[in-house]
C-alpha atoms as a PDB file:
ATOM      1  CA  MET A   1      -2.057 -11.004  -3.660  1.00  0.00           C
ATOM      2  CA  ALA A   2      -3.507  -9.189  -7.034  1.00  0.00           C
ATOM      3  CA  ALA A   3      -6.273  -7.486  -5.513  1.00  0.00           C
ATOM      4  CA  ALA A   4      -5.705  -4.227  -3.237  1.00  0.00           C
ATOM      5  CA  GLY A   5      -7.133  -5.934  -0.261  1.00  0.00           C
ATOM      6  CA  ILE A   6      -9.860  -7.493   1.358  1.00  0.00           C
ATOM      7  CA  ALA A   7     -12.780  -6.114   3.526  1.00  0.00           C
ATOM      8  CA  LEU A   8     -15.910  -7.146   5.352  1.00  0.00           C
ATOM      9  CA  HIS A   9     -18.747  -7.628   2.578  1.00  0.00           C
ATOM     10  CA  PRO A  10     -21.321  -4.954   2.952  1.00  0.00           C
ATOM     11  CA  ALA A  11     -24.247  -7.381   3.649  1.00  0.00           C
ATOM     12  CA  CYS A  12     -22.093  -8.991   6.452  1.00  0.00           C
ATOM     13  CA  ARG A  13     -22.110  -7.708  10.137  1.00  0.00           C
ATOM     14  CA  VAL A  14     -19.266  -8.501  12.847  1.00  0.00           C
ATOM     15  CA  ARG A  15     -19.810  -7.881  16.408  1.00  0.00           C
ATOM     16  CA  ARG A  16     -17.885  -8.667  19.665  1.00  0.00           C
ATOM     17  CA  GLU A  17     -18.959 -11.687  21.851  1.00  0.00           C
ATOM     18  CA  GLY A  18     -17.366 -12.866  24.984  1.00  0.00           C
ATOM     19  CA  PHE A  19     -15.331 -15.693  23.004  1.00  0.00           C
ATOM     20  CA  GLY A  20     -14.172 -13.315  19.891  1.00  0.00           C
ATOM     21  CA  LEU A  21     -16.308 -12.265  17.119  1.00  0.00           C
ATOM     22  CA  LEU A  22     -19.741 -13.188  15.714  1.00  0.00           C
ATOM     23  CA  PHE A  23     -19.903 -12.561  11.830  1.00  0.00           C
ATOM     24  CA  TYR A  24     -23.565 -12.787  10.526  1.00  0.00           C
ATOM     25  CA  ASP A  25     -24.446 -12.473   6.661  1.00  0.00           C
ATOM     26  CA  LEU A  26     -27.828 -10.585   6.419  1.00  0.00           C
ATOM     27  CA  ARG A  27     -28.269 -12.265   3.213  1.00  0.00           C
ATOM     28  CA  GLY A  28     -28.672 -15.865   4.589  1.00  0.00           C
ATOM     29  CA  PRO A  29     -28.971 -15.518   7.575  1.00  0.00           C
ATOM     30  CA  ARG A  30     -26.150 -17.262   8.343  1.00  0.00           C
ATOM     31  CA  LEU A  31     -23.700 -16.862  11.330  1.00  0.00           C
ATOM     32  CA  LEU A  32     -19.799 -17.634  11.934  1.00  0.00           C
ATOM     33  CA  PHE A  33     -18.519 -18.122  15.753  1.00  0.00           C
ATOM     34  CA  ALA A  34     -14.979 -17.008  15.819  1.00  0.00           C
ATOM     35  CA  GLU A  35     -13.171 -17.816  18.924  1.00  0.00           C
ATOM     36  CA  THR A  36     -10.578 -14.972  18.557  1.00  0.00           C
ATOM     37  CA  GLY A  37     -10.711 -13.772  22.176  1.00  0.00           C
ATOM     38  CA  ASP A  38      -9.270 -10.170  21.869  1.00  0.00           C
ATOM     39  CA  LEU A  39      -6.887 -10.615  19.207  1.00  0.00           C
ATOM     40  CA  ILE A  40      -8.665  -8.973  16.497  1.00  0.00           C
ATOM     41  CA  PRO A  41     -10.572  -5.975  17.304  1.00  0.00           C
ATOM     42  CA  VAL A  42     -14.112  -5.602  16.327  1.00  0.00           C
ATOM     43  CA  ASP A  43     -13.487  -2.993  13.586  1.00  0.00           C
ATOM     44  CA  PHE A  44     -10.550  -4.528  12.026  1.00  0.00           C
ATOM     45  CA  PHE A  45     -12.463  -5.760   8.656  1.00  0.00           C
ATOM     46  CA  GLU A  46     -14.065  -2.400   8.202  1.00  0.00           C
ATOM     47  CA  ALA A  47     -11.016  -0.820   6.007  1.00  0.00           C
ATOM     48  CA  PRO A  48      -9.526  -2.918   3.217  1.00  0.00           C
ATOM     49  CA  ARG A  49      -6.490  -4.762   4.384  1.00  0.00           C
ATOM     50  CA  GLY A  50      -3.967  -6.966   2.737  1.00  0.00           C
ATOM     51  CA  MET A  51      -4.303 -10.895   3.379  1.00  0.00           C
ATOM     52  CA  ASP A  52      -1.215 -10.955   5.281  1.00  0.00           C
ATOM     53  CA  GLU A  53      -1.849  -7.544   7.439  1.00  0.00           C
ATOM     54  CA  PHE A  54      -2.816  -8.085  11.131  1.00  0.00           C
ATOM     55  CA  PRO A  55      -2.888  -6.397  14.420  1.00  0.00           C
ATOM     56  CA  ASP A  56       0.164  -5.514  15.992  1.00  0.00           C
ATOM     57  CA  GLY A  57       1.940  -7.773  18.445  1.00  0.00           C
ATOM     58  CA  VAL A  58       0.527 -11.054  16.667  1.00  0.00           C
ATOM     59  CA  SER A  59       3.095 -13.869  16.956  1.00  0.00           C
ATOM     60  CA  ALA A  60       4.220 -15.762  13.811  1.00  0.00           C
ATOM     61  CA  ARG A  61       2.127 -18.608  14.928  1.00  0.00           C
ATOM     62  CA  GLN A  62      -0.935 -16.682  15.300  1.00  0.00           C
ATOM     63  CA  LYS A  63      -0.696 -14.916  11.835  1.00  0.00           C
ATOM     64  CA  THR A  64      -0.596 -18.694  10.561  1.00  0.00           C
ATOM     65  CA  VAL A  65      -3.938 -19.237  12.270  1.00  0.00           C
ATOM     66  CA  LEU A  66      -5.235 -16.242  11.422  1.00  0.00           C
ATOM     67  CA  GLN A  67      -4.281 -16.461   7.583  1.00  0.00           C
ATOM     68  CA  LYS A  68      -6.296 -19.580   7.684  1.00  0.00           C
ATOM     69  CA  PHE A  69      -9.214 -17.623   9.132  1.00  0.00           C
ATOM     70  CA  VAL A  70      -9.283 -14.984   6.863  1.00  0.00           C
ATOM     71  CA  LYS A  71      -9.242 -17.570   3.702  1.00  0.00           C
ATOM     72  CA  GLN A  72     -12.242 -19.052   5.456  1.00  0.00           C
ATOM     73  CA  LEU A  73     -14.131 -15.699   5.729  1.00  0.00           C
ATOM     74  CA  LEU A  74     -13.472 -14.961   2.163  1.00  0.00           C
ATOM     75  CA  ASP A  75     -14.447 -18.846   1.164  1.00  0.00           C
ATOM     76  CA  LYS A  76     -17.767 -18.218   3.079  1.00  0.00           C
ATOM     77  CA  GLY A  77     -18.286 -14.922   1.688  1.00  0.00           C
ATOM     78  CA  PHE A  78     -17.980 -12.754   4.757  1.00  0.00           C
ATOM     79  CA  LEU A  79     -15.259 -10.927   3.434  1.00  0.00           C
ATOM     80  CA  ARG A  80     -14.540 -10.095  -0.227  1.00  0.00           C
ATOM     81  CA  GLU A  81     -11.679  -8.845  -2.176  1.00  0.00           C
ATOM     82  CA  GLN A  82     -11.345  -5.300  -3.010  1.00  0.00           C
END
C-alpha cells in the first residue's frame, strides 16, 4: 500500500455494541452494523494502521475476512487512507 495507513474518517464514529461494532457517519447519517464480536477493539481504527495490520491472535482465516471488511469500510467512506 502506497499510503501510510488507514484510519477512521474524522466525521465517523464507532462504538461497541452486543453484536460487535456500530459505525456511524455524521455526514449522512449512515450506519454500518459489523458483527465482529470481540475480534476488533472499539479504538482499533483511531490511529493509522496498515491495511493488513490486525489485533494479535487473529487467525489467517479471520485476517482474510477482516481485510475484506476494511476494504468495505474504505469504499463506504468510514475509513480513509492517510
